[in-house]
Amino acid sequence: MGTERVAVADLIFDRLDTNGDGVLAADDYRASAERKLQSYGMGPNSPKGRALIEANLAMWQQQAQLVDRDHDGRITREEYRRWVGSLPASDSGSPSGTPEVMAVLHAQFNVADRDGDGLVDCRDFVAWRGLKGVPAKSAEASFELIDSDADGAISWNDFTDAAHQHGLEALLYTPSH
């Protein structure tokens, strides 16, 4: 696995390891969702809140089966790196998302869509990515990749189309623009 993919895997791992104990567990996935909701002023019992928590826990279940090689109920950094390295590539050669990853991203997208119109503008996209530590300039460049018609807003379909074309890493962490 290339150093860029290792760096992205480590970044995601560190964001998910909410208690900082160096391993991932179901509680980390729930806490990650709850932190995101709290930053948006949403509760875990709101419809968007429940959807995000359920998507995160489903992702945990899937990753625990695929990534937790020793089946101890925890995912180590090395196990996570190996899994990210095994993800299939998009047409661009960057890793594409599993259905569970895409479900979490869709739930996050819906949370970022504050007015519920199905669209996220650049400001809201930058704020969403900022919650994951992505610098504003990188998030803005990613938004430009996604907003192919340059109308100033992106839909979930715009996001998934761009993910297939450019790969999730380019949209979420390291735009090559």
N, C-alpha and C. Protein backbone atom coordinates (compact mmCIF):
# COMPACT_ATOMS: atom_id res chain seq x y z
N MET A 1 0.87 -1.17 0.00
CA MET A 1 0.00 0.00 0.00
C MET A 1 0.91 1.22 0.00
N GLY A 2 0.56 2.21 -0.85
CA GLY A 2 1.34 3.43 -0.94
C GLY A 2 1.25 4.28 0.32
N THR A 3 2.21 5.16 0.49
CA THR A 3 2.26 6.00 1.69
C THR A 3 1.05 6.91 1.80
N GLU A 4 0.50 7.36 0.66
CA GLU A 4 -0.68 8.23 0.71
C GLU A 4 -1.89 7.47 1.27
N ARG A 5 -2.05 6.23 0.84
CA ARG A 5 -3.17 5.42 1.35
C ARG A 5 -2.98 5.09 2.82
N VAL A 6 -1.74 4.85 3.25
CA VAL A 6 -1.47 4.61 4.66
C VAL A 6 -1.84 5.85 5.47
N ALA A 7 -1.47 7.02 4.94
CA ALA A 7 -1.77 8.27 5.65
C ALA A 7 -3.28 8.47 5.77
N VAL A 8 -4.01 8.17 4.72
CA VAL A 8 -5.47 8.30 4.77
C VAL A 8 -6.06 7.28 5.74
N ALA A 9 -5.57 6.05 5.69
CA ALA A 9 -6.05 5.02 6.62
C ALA A 9 -5.80 5.46 8.06
N ASP A 10 -4.63 6.00 8.33
CA ASP A 10 -4.31 6.46 9.68
C ASP A 10 -5.19 7.63 10.10
N LEU A 11 -5.44 8.53 9.18
CA LEU A 11 -6.31 9.68 9.48
C LEU A 11 -7.71 9.21 9.86
N ILE A 12 -8.27 8.31 9.07
CA ILE A 12 -9.60 7.79 9.35
C ILE A 12 -9.60 7.03 10.67
N PHE A 13 -8.59 6.19 10.86
CA PHE A 13 -8.48 5.41 12.09
C PHE A 13 -8.47 6.35 13.30
N ASP A 14 -7.64 7.37 13.24
CA ASP A 14 -7.53 8.31 14.37
C ASP A 14 -8.84 9.04 14.63
N ARG A 15 -9.57 9.37 13.59
CA ARG A 15 -10.87 10.04 13.76
C ARG A 15 -11.90 9.09 14.38
N LEU A 16 -11.82 7.82 14.00
CA LEU A 16 -12.77 6.85 14.54
C LEU A 16 -12.42 6.42 15.97
N ASP A 17 -11.14 6.46 16.32
CA ASP A 17 -10.71 6.04 17.65
C ASP A 17 -11.03 7.15 18.65
N THR A 18 -12.30 7.28 18.97
CA THR A 18 -12.77 8.42 19.75
C THR A 18 -12.24 8.45 21.17
N ASN A 19 -11.92 7.30 21.74
CA ASN A 19 -11.39 7.29 23.11
C ASN A 19 -9.87 7.25 23.14
N GLY A 20 -9.22 7.20 21.96
CA GLY A 20 -7.78 7.28 21.87
C GLY A 20 -7.01 6.10 22.43
N ASP A 21 -7.65 4.92 22.49
CA ASP A 21 -6.97 3.76 23.07
C ASP A 21 -6.17 2.95 22.05
N GLY A 22 -6.14 3.40 20.80
CA GLY A 22 -5.34 2.73 19.79
C GLY A 22 -6.01 1.55 19.11
N VAL A 23 -7.27 1.29 19.42
CA VAL A 23 -8.03 0.24 18.75
C VAL A 23 -9.45 0.78 18.48
N LEU A 24 -10.10 0.18 17.49
CA LEU A 24 -11.47 0.55 17.17
C LEU A 24 -12.41 -0.51 17.70
N ALA A 25 -13.54 -0.06 18.24
CA ALA A 25 -14.59 -0.95 18.74
C ALA A 25 -15.93 -0.29 18.44
N ALA A 26 -17.00 -1.02 18.66
CA ALA A 26 -18.35 -0.51 18.36
C ALA A 26 -18.61 0.83 19.04
N ASP A 27 -18.16 0.99 20.27
CA ASP A 27 -18.38 2.25 20.99
C ASP A 27 -17.75 3.43 20.27
N ASP A 28 -16.61 3.22 19.62
CA ASP A 28 -15.97 4.29 18.87
C ASP A 28 -16.84 4.74 17.70
N TYR A 29 -17.46 3.80 17.03
CA TYR A 29 -18.29 4.12 15.86
C TYR A 29 -19.55 4.89 16.29
N ARG A 30 -20.13 4.48 17.40
CA ARG A 30 -21.29 5.20 17.93
C ARG A 30 -20.87 6.61 18.37
N ALA A 31 -19.78 6.71 19.11
CA ALA A 31 -19.33 8.01 19.61
C ALA A 31 -18.95 8.95 18.46
N SER A 32 -18.38 8.40 17.41
CA SER A 32 -18.04 9.22 16.24
C SER A 32 -19.30 9.85 15.65
N ALA A 33 -20.34 9.05 15.51
CA ALA A 33 -21.61 9.57 14.98
C ALA A 33 -22.21 10.61 15.92
N GLU A 34 -22.18 10.33 17.21
CA GLU A 34 -22.76 11.26 18.19
C GLU A 34 -22.01 12.59 18.22
N ARG A 35 -20.70 12.54 18.07
CA ARG A 35 -19.91 13.78 18.03
C ARG A 35 -20.28 14.62 16.81
N LYS A 36 -20.42 13.95 15.68
CA LYS A 36 -20.80 14.68 14.46
C LYS A 36 -22.17 15.33 14.65
N LEU A 37 -23.11 14.59 15.19
CA LEU A 37 -24.45 15.13 15.42
C LEU A 37 -24.39 16.32 16.38
N GLN A 38 -23.64 16.20 17.43
CA GLN A 38 -23.52 17.27 18.41
C GLN A 38 -22.95 18.53 17.76
N SER A 39 -21.98 18.36 16.87
CA SER A 39 -21.39 19.53 16.22
C SER A 39 -22.40 20.24 15.32
N TYR A 40 -23.40 19.52 14.85
CA TYR A 40 -24.46 20.11 14.04
C TYR A 40 -25.67 20.52 14.87
N GLY A 41 -25.59 20.32 16.18
CA GLY A 41 -26.71 20.68 17.05
C GLY A 41 -27.89 19.73 16.93
N MET A 42 -27.62 18.50 16.52
CA MET A 42 -28.68 17.49 16.36
C MET A 42 -28.54 16.44 17.45
N GLY A 43 -29.65 15.91 17.88
CA GLY A 43 -29.63 14.85 18.86
C GLY A 43 -29.60 13.48 18.23
N PRO A 44 -29.19 12.48 19.00
CA PRO A 44 -29.13 11.12 18.47
C PRO A 44 -30.50 10.51 18.21
N ASN A 45 -31.56 11.11 18.74
CA ASN A 45 -32.90 10.56 18.52
C ASN A 45 -33.65 11.24 17.37
N SER A 46 -33.03 12.24 16.74
CA SER A 46 -33.65 12.85 15.57
C SER A 46 -33.60 11.85 14.42
N PRO A 47 -34.43 11.99 13.42
CA PRO A 47 -34.38 11.03 12.29
C PRO A 47 -32.98 10.96 11.65
N LYS A 48 -32.36 12.11 11.41
CA LYS A 48 -31.02 12.11 10.83
C LYS A 48 -30.02 11.52 11.81
N GLY A 49 -30.21 11.77 13.10
CA GLY A 49 -29.33 11.23 14.12
C GLY A 49 -29.38 9.72 14.19
N ARG A 50 -30.60 9.19 14.20
CA ARG A 50 -30.75 7.73 14.24
C ARG A 50 -30.15 7.10 12.99
N ALA A 51 -30.37 7.72 11.84
CA ALA A 51 -29.84 7.17 10.59
C ALA A 51 -28.32 7.14 10.61
N LEU A 52 -27.70 8.20 11.10
CA LEU A 52 -26.24 8.24 11.14
C LEU A 52 -25.68 7.20 12.13
N ILE A 53 -26.27 7.11 13.30
CA ILE A 53 -25.81 6.13 14.28
C ILE A 53 -25.99 4.71 13.75
N GLU A 54 -27.16 4.43 13.17
CA GLU A 54 -27.40 3.09 12.62
C GLU A 54 -26.41 2.77 11.49
N ALA A 55 -26.12 3.75 10.63
CA ALA A 55 -25.15 3.51 9.55
C ALA A 55 -23.76 3.26 10.11
N ASN A 56 -23.36 4.03 11.12
CA ASN A 56 -22.04 3.81 11.73
C ASN A 56 -21.95 2.43 12.37
N LEU A 57 -23.01 2.01 13.07
CA LEU A 57 -22.98 0.70 13.72
C LEU A 57 -23.01 -0.43 12.69
N ALA A 58 -23.71 -0.23 11.59
CA ALA A 58 -23.69 -1.23 10.51
C ALA A 58 -22.29 -1.31 9.90
N MET A 59 -21.65 -0.16 9.76
CA MET A 59 -20.28 -0.18 9.24
C MET A 59 -19.37 -0.92 10.22
N TRP A 60 -19.55 -0.67 11.53
CA TRP A 60 -18.75 -1.41 12.51
C TRP A 60 -18.95 -2.91 12.34
N GLN A 61 -20.19 -3.36 12.23
CA GLN A 61 -20.47 -4.78 12.11
C GLN A 61 -19.74 -5.38 10.90
N GLN A 62 -19.84 -4.69 9.79
CA GLN A 62 -19.20 -5.17 8.56
C GLN A 62 -17.69 -5.16 8.72
N GLN A 63 -17.14 -4.06 9.24
CA GLN A 63 -15.70 -3.99 9.38
C GLN A 63 -15.18 -4.98 10.42
N ALA A 64 -15.93 -5.20 11.47
CA ALA A 64 -15.51 -6.19 12.47
C ALA A 64 -15.38 -7.57 11.82
N GLN A 65 -16.29 -7.90 10.91
CA GLN A 65 -16.23 -9.19 10.23
C GLN A 65 -15.06 -9.26 9.26
N LEU A 66 -14.82 -8.18 8.53
CA LEU A 66 -13.80 -8.18 7.49
C LEU A 66 -12.41 -7.82 7.97
N VAL A 67 -12.32 -6.96 8.96
CA VAL A 67 -11.05 -6.34 9.32
C VAL A 67 -10.44 -6.96 10.57
N ASP A 68 -11.27 -7.34 11.52
CA ASP A 68 -10.80 -7.87 12.80
C ASP A 68 -10.31 -9.30 12.60
N ARG A 69 -9.09 -9.44 12.14
CA ARG A 69 -8.54 -10.75 11.75
C ARG A 69 -8.48 -11.75 12.91
N ASP A 70 -8.21 -11.26 14.12
CA ASP A 70 -8.10 -12.18 15.25
C ASP A 70 -9.42 -12.32 16.01
N HIS A 71 -10.47 -11.66 15.53
CA HIS A 71 -11.83 -11.78 16.08
C HIS A 71 -11.89 -11.52 17.59
N ASP A 72 -11.16 -10.47 18.02
CA ASP A 72 -11.18 -10.11 19.44
C ASP A 72 -12.13 -8.96 19.74
N GLY A 73 -12.93 -8.55 18.74
CA GLY A 73 -13.88 -7.46 18.94
C GLY A 73 -13.25 -6.08 18.87
N ARG A 74 -12.01 -6.03 18.39
CA ARG A 74 -11.30 -4.77 18.25
C ARG A 74 -10.53 -4.77 16.94
N ILE A 75 -10.39 -3.61 16.35
CA ILE A 75 -9.61 -3.47 15.11
C ILE A 75 -8.38 -2.65 15.44
N THR A 76 -7.20 -3.23 15.18
CA THR A 76 -5.96 -2.51 15.42
C THR A 76 -5.65 -1.62 14.21
N ARG A 77 -4.73 -0.70 14.40
CA ARG A 77 -4.31 0.17 13.29
C ARG A 77 -3.79 -0.66 12.12
N GLU A 78 -3.00 -1.67 12.40
CA GLU A 78 -2.44 -2.49 11.34
C GLU A 78 -3.54 -3.26 10.59
N GLU A 79 -4.50 -3.80 11.32
CA GLU A 79 -5.62 -4.47 10.67
C GLU A 79 -6.36 -3.49 9.78
N TYR A 80 -6.56 -2.26 10.26
CA TYR A 80 -7.29 -1.25 9.48
C TYR A 80 -6.50 -0.87 8.23
N ARG A 81 -5.20 -0.69 8.37
CA ARG A 81 -4.37 -0.36 7.21
C ARG A 81 -4.46 -1.45 6.14
N ARG A 82 -4.37 -2.71 6.57
CA ARG A 82 -4.44 -3.81 5.60
C ARG A 82 -5.78 -3.80 4.88
N TRP A 83 -6.86 -3.53 5.61
CA TRP A 83 -8.19 -3.49 4.99
C TRP A 83 -8.28 -2.36 3.98
N VAL A 84 -7.84 -1.16 4.34
CA VAL A 84 -7.89 -0.03 3.41
C VAL A 84 -7.08 -0.38 2.16
N GLY A 85 -5.94 -1.01 2.34
CA GLY A 85 -5.13 -1.42 1.20
C GLY A 85 -5.79 -2.43 0.30
N SER A 86 -6.75 -3.16 0.83
CA SER A 86 -7.44 -4.19 0.04
C SER A 86 -8.69 -3.68 -0.66
N LEU A 87 -9.09 -2.44 -0.37
CA LEU A 87 -10.31 -1.91 -0.99
C LEU A 87 -10.16 -1.81 -2.49
N PRO A 88 -11.22 -2.13 -3.23
CA PRO A 88 -11.14 -2.04 -4.68
C PRO A 88 -10.98 -0.58 -5.11
N ALA A 89 -10.31 -0.41 -6.22
CA ALA A 89 -10.07 0.94 -6.74
C ALA A 89 -11.23 1.38 -7.62
N SER A 90 -11.44 2.69 -7.67
CA SER A 90 -12.41 3.27 -8.59
C SER A 90 -11.75 3.35 -9.97
N ASP A 91 -12.45 3.93 -10.92
CA ASP A 91 -11.89 4.10 -12.25
C ASP A 91 -10.62 4.94 -12.22
N SER A 92 -10.50 5.81 -11.20
CA SER A 92 -9.34 6.69 -11.10
C SER A 92 -8.15 6.00 -10.44
N GLY A 93 -8.36 4.81 -9.89
CA GLY A 93 -7.30 4.11 -9.20
C GLY A 93 -7.30 4.34 -7.70
N SER A 94 -8.11 5.27 -7.22
CA SER A 94 -8.22 5.51 -5.78
C SER A 94 -9.23 4.53 -5.20
N PRO A 95 -9.12 4.24 -3.90
CA PRO A 95 -10.07 3.29 -3.31
C PRO A 95 -11.51 3.77 -3.43
N SER A 96 -12.39 2.87 -3.70
CA SER A 96 -13.81 3.19 -3.71
C SER A 96 -14.41 2.66 -2.42
N GLY A 97 -15.59 3.12 -2.10
CA GLY A 97 -16.20 2.76 -0.82
C GLY A 97 -17.00 1.48 -0.86
N THR A 98 -16.99 0.78 0.26
CA THR A 98 -17.86 -0.37 0.43
C THR A 98 -19.28 0.15 0.61
N PRO A 99 -20.28 -0.70 0.46
CA PRO A 99 -21.66 -0.23 0.69
C PRO A 99 -21.85 0.38 2.08
N GLU A 100 -21.19 -0.18 3.09
CA GLU A 100 -21.33 0.35 4.45
C GLU A 100 -20.69 1.72 4.58
N VAL A 101 -19.54 1.91 3.96
CA VAL A 101 -18.89 3.23 3.98
C VAL A 101 -19.77 4.24 3.27
N MET A 102 -20.32 3.84 2.12
CA MET A 102 -21.18 4.76 1.38
C MET A 102 -22.45 5.09 2.16
N ALA A 103 -22.98 4.13 2.92
CA ALA A 103 -24.17 4.40 3.74
C ALA A 103 -23.85 5.42 4.83
N VAL A 104 -22.68 5.30 5.44
CA VAL A 104 -22.28 6.29 6.46
C VAL A 104 -22.10 7.66 5.81
N LEU A 105 -21.44 7.69 4.67
CA LEU A 105 -21.25 8.98 3.98
C LEU A 105 -22.59 9.59 3.58
N HIS A 106 -23.53 8.76 3.15
CA HIS A 106 -24.85 9.27 2.79
C HIS A 106 -25.55 9.87 4.01
N ALA A 107 -25.47 9.18 5.15
CA ALA A 107 -26.07 9.70 6.37
C ALA A 107 -25.38 11.00 6.79
N GLN A 108 -24.05 11.06 6.66
CA GLN A 108 -23.33 12.30 6.97
C GLN A 108 -23.72 13.42 6.01
N PHE A 109 -23.87 13.08 4.74
CA PHE A 109 -24.29 14.06 3.74
C PHE A 109 -25.65 14.64 4.13
N ASN A 110 -26.56 13.78 4.55
CA ASN A 110 -27.89 14.24 4.96
C ASN A 110 -27.83 15.15 6.18
N VAL A 111 -26.91 14.87 7.10
CA VAL A 111 -26.73 15.74 8.26
C VAL A 111 -26.19 17.10 7.80
N ALA A 112 -25.23 17.08 6.87
CA ALA A 112 -24.66 18.33 6.34
C ALA A 112 -25.69 19.14 5.57
N ASP A 113 -26.69 18.47 5.01
CA ASP A 113 -27.78 19.13 4.28
C ASP A 113 -28.76 19.70 5.32
N ARG A 114 -28.39 20.82 5.87
CA ARG A 114 -29.13 21.40 7.00
C ARG A 114 -30.60 21.69 6.70
N ASP A 115 -30.91 22.15 5.48
CA ASP A 115 -32.31 22.52 5.19
C ASP A 115 -33.11 21.38 4.58
N GLY A 116 -32.47 20.23 4.37
CA GLY A 116 -33.20 19.06 3.90
C GLY A 116 -33.65 19.11 2.46
N ASP A 117 -33.01 19.96 1.64
CA ASP A 117 -33.43 20.06 0.24
C ASP A 117 -32.71 19.08 -0.68
N GLY A 118 -31.86 18.22 -0.11
CA GLY A 118 -31.14 17.24 -0.92
C GLY A 118 -29.86 17.77 -1.52
N LEU A 119 -29.51 19.01 -1.18
CA LEU A 119 -28.32 19.65 -1.73
C LEU A 119 -27.43 20.18 -0.61
N VAL A 120 -26.13 20.15 -0.84
CA VAL A 120 -25.16 20.72 0.08
C VAL A 120 -24.38 21.77 -0.69
N ASP A 121 -24.34 23.00 -0.14
CA ASP A 121 -23.56 24.04 -0.80
C ASP A 121 -22.11 23.95 -0.33
N CYS A 122 -21.25 24.77 -0.92
CA CYS A 122 -19.83 24.70 -0.62
C CYS A 122 -19.56 24.97 0.87
N ARG A 123 -20.22 25.95 1.44
CA ARG A 123 -20.01 26.28 2.85
C ARG A 123 -20.31 25.08 3.74
N ASP A 124 -21.44 24.42 3.49
CA ASP A 124 -21.80 23.26 4.30
C ASP A 124 -20.87 22.07 4.03
N PHE A 125 -20.42 21.92 2.79
CA PHE A 125 -19.48 20.84 2.48
C PHE A 125 -18.16 21.06 3.21
N VAL A 126 -17.66 22.29 3.19
CA VAL A 126 -16.41 22.63 3.87
C VAL A 126 -16.55 22.39 5.37
N ALA A 127 -17.70 22.74 5.93
CA ALA A 127 -17.94 22.49 7.37
C ALA A 127 -17.97 20.99 7.66
N TRP A 128 -18.64 20.20 6.81
CA TRP A 128 -18.71 18.75 6.97
C TRP A 128 -17.32 18.14 6.96
N ARG A 129 -16.51 18.50 5.98
CA ARG A 129 -15.17 17.94 5.88
C ARG A 129 -14.27 18.49 6.98
N GLY A 130 -14.52 19.72 7.40
CA GLY A 130 -13.75 20.31 8.50
C GLY A 130 -13.89 19.51 9.78
N LEU A 131 -15.04 18.90 9.98
CA LEU A 131 -15.25 18.06 11.16
C LEU A 131 -14.31 16.85 11.16
N LYS A 132 -13.82 16.50 10.01
CA LYS A 132 -12.87 15.39 9.89
C LYS A 132 -11.43 15.89 9.76
N GLY A 133 -11.22 17.20 10.01
CA GLY A 133 -9.87 17.74 9.99
C GLY A 133 -9.35 18.11 8.63
N VAL A 134 -10.23 18.15 7.62
CA VAL A 134 -9.80 18.50 6.27
C VAL A 134 -9.71 20.03 6.17
N PRO A 135 -8.56 20.56 5.76
CA PRO A 135 -8.44 22.01 5.62
C PRO A 135 -9.46 22.58 4.61
N ALA A 136 -9.88 23.79 4.85
CA ALA A 136 -10.91 24.42 4.01
C ALA A 136 -10.51 24.42 2.53
N LYS A 137 -9.27 24.74 2.23
CA LYS A 137 -8.85 24.80 0.81
C LYS A 137 -8.97 23.43 0.14
N SER A 138 -8.62 22.37 0.86
CA SER A 138 -8.76 21.02 0.30
C SER A 138 -10.23 20.67 0.10
N ALA A 139 -11.06 21.03 1.07
CA ALA A 139 -12.50 20.75 0.96
C ALA A 139 -13.10 21.54 -0.20
N GLU A 140 -12.68 22.78 -0.38
CA GLU A 140 -13.18 23.58 -1.50
C GLU A 140 -12.78 22.97 -2.84
N ALA A 141 -11.54 22.48 -2.93
CA ALA A 141 -11.10 21.82 -4.17
C ALA A 141 -11.90 20.56 -4.42
N SER A 142 -12.19 19.81 -3.37
CA SER A 142 -13.03 18.61 -3.52
C SER A 142 -14.43 18.98 -3.99
N PHE A 143 -14.98 20.04 -3.40
CA PHE A 143 -16.31 20.49 -3.79
C PHE A 143 -16.33 20.81 -5.29
N GLU A 144 -15.29 21.47 -5.78
CA GLU A 144 -15.22 21.80 -7.21
C GLU A 144 -15.20 20.54 -8.07
N LEU A 145 -14.52 19.48 -7.61
CA LEU A 145 -14.52 18.22 -8.35
C LEU A 145 -15.92 17.62 -8.42
N ILE A 146 -16.65 17.75 -7.33
CA ILE A 146 -17.97 17.14 -7.24
C ILE A 146 -19.01 17.96 -8.00
N ASP A 147 -18.92 19.28 -7.90
CA ASP A 147 -19.89 20.19 -8.51
C ASP A 147 -19.57 20.36 -10.00
N SER A 148 -19.75 19.30 -10.76
CA SER A 148 -19.34 19.29 -12.17
C SER A 148 -20.10 20.30 -13.02
N ASP A 149 -21.32 20.66 -12.62
CA ASP A 149 -22.07 21.65 -13.40
C ASP A 149 -21.88 23.07 -12.86
N ALA A 150 -21.06 23.22 -11.82
CA ALA A 150 -20.69 24.52 -11.25
C ALA A 150 -21.90 25.37 -10.85
N ASP A 151 -22.95 24.70 -10.33
CA ASP A 151 -24.14 25.45 -9.91
C ASP A 151 -24.08 25.86 -8.43
N GLY A 152 -23.00 25.49 -7.75
CA GLY A 152 -22.83 25.90 -6.36
C GLY A 152 -23.47 24.99 -5.33
N ALA A 153 -23.99 23.85 -5.78
CA ALA A 153 -24.60 22.89 -4.86
C ALA A 153 -24.38 21.49 -5.41
N ILE A 154 -24.29 20.52 -4.49
CA ILE A 154 -24.12 19.14 -4.91
C ILE A 154 -25.21 18.28 -4.29
N SER A 155 -25.64 17.31 -5.06
CA SER A 155 -26.60 16.32 -4.58
C SER A 155 -25.83 15.05 -4.22
N TRP A 156 -26.51 14.09 -3.61
CA TRP A 156 -25.88 12.82 -3.31
C TRP A 156 -25.45 12.13 -4.59
N ASN A 157 -26.24 12.24 -5.66
CA ASN A 157 -25.86 11.64 -6.94
C ASN A 157 -24.60 12.29 -7.49
N ASP A 158 -24.47 13.61 -7.34
CA ASP A 158 -23.24 14.29 -7.76
C ASP A 158 -22.05 13.71 -7.01
N PHE A 159 -22.23 13.50 -5.70
CA PHE A 159 -21.15 12.98 -4.87
C PHE A 159 -20.75 11.58 -5.31
N THR A 160 -21.72 10.69 -5.49
CA THR A 160 -21.39 9.32 -5.86
C THR A 160 -20.80 9.25 -7.27
N ASP A 161 -21.30 10.06 -8.18
CA ASP A 161 -20.72 10.10 -9.53
C ASP A 161 -19.25 10.51 -9.47
N ALA A 162 -18.96 11.54 -8.68
CA ALA A 162 -17.58 12.01 -8.53
C ALA A 162 -16.72 10.97 -7.82
N ALA A 163 -17.30 10.24 -6.88
CA ALA A 163 -16.55 9.19 -6.18
C ALA A 163 -16.11 8.10 -7.15
N HIS A 164 -17.00 7.75 -8.08
CA HIS A 164 -16.64 6.74 -9.08
C HIS A 164 -15.56 7.26 -10.02
N GLN A 165 -15.64 8.52 -10.34
CA GLN A 165 -14.69 9.11 -11.28
C GLN A 165 -13.33 9.39 -10.65
N HIS A 166 -13.34 9.94 -9.44
CA HIS A 166 -12.09 10.42 -8.82
C HIS A 166 -11.62 9.59 -7.63
N GLY A 167 -12.49 8.75 -7.08
CA GLY A 167 -12.15 7.99 -5.88
C GLY A 167 -12.51 8.77 -4.62
N LEU A 168 -12.84 8.05 -3.57
CA LEU A 168 -13.25 8.69 -2.32
C LEU A 168 -12.14 9.50 -1.68
N GLU A 169 -10.89 9.02 -1.77
CA GLU A 169 -9.80 9.77 -1.15
C GLU A 169 -9.74 11.19 -1.70
N ALA A 170 -9.89 11.33 -3.01
CA ALA A 170 -9.83 12.65 -3.62
C ALA A 170 -10.95 13.55 -3.14
N LEU A 171 -12.11 12.96 -2.90
CA LEU A 171 -13.26 13.79 -2.46
C LEU A 171 -13.23 14.10 -0.98
N LEU A 172 -12.70 13.18 -0.20
CA LEU A 172 -12.81 13.32 1.24
C LEU A 172 -11.54 13.84 1.91
N TYR A 173 -10.38 13.54 1.34
CA TYR A 173 -9.15 13.87 2.05
C TYR A 173 -8.08 14.55 1.22
N THR A 174 -7.84 14.07 0.01
CA THR A 174 -6.69 14.56 -0.75
C THR A 174 -7.07 14.87 -2.19
N PRO A 175 -7.74 15.97 -2.43
CA PRO A 175 -8.11 16.27 -3.81
C PRO A 175 -6.87 16.45 -4.68
N SER A 176 -6.92 15.87 -5.84
CA SER A 176 -5.80 15.96 -6.79
C SER A 176 -6.10 17.00 -7.84
N HIS A 177 -6.50 18.13 -7.40
CA HIS A 177 -6.99 19.19 -8.29
C HIS A 177 -6.05 20.37 -8.23
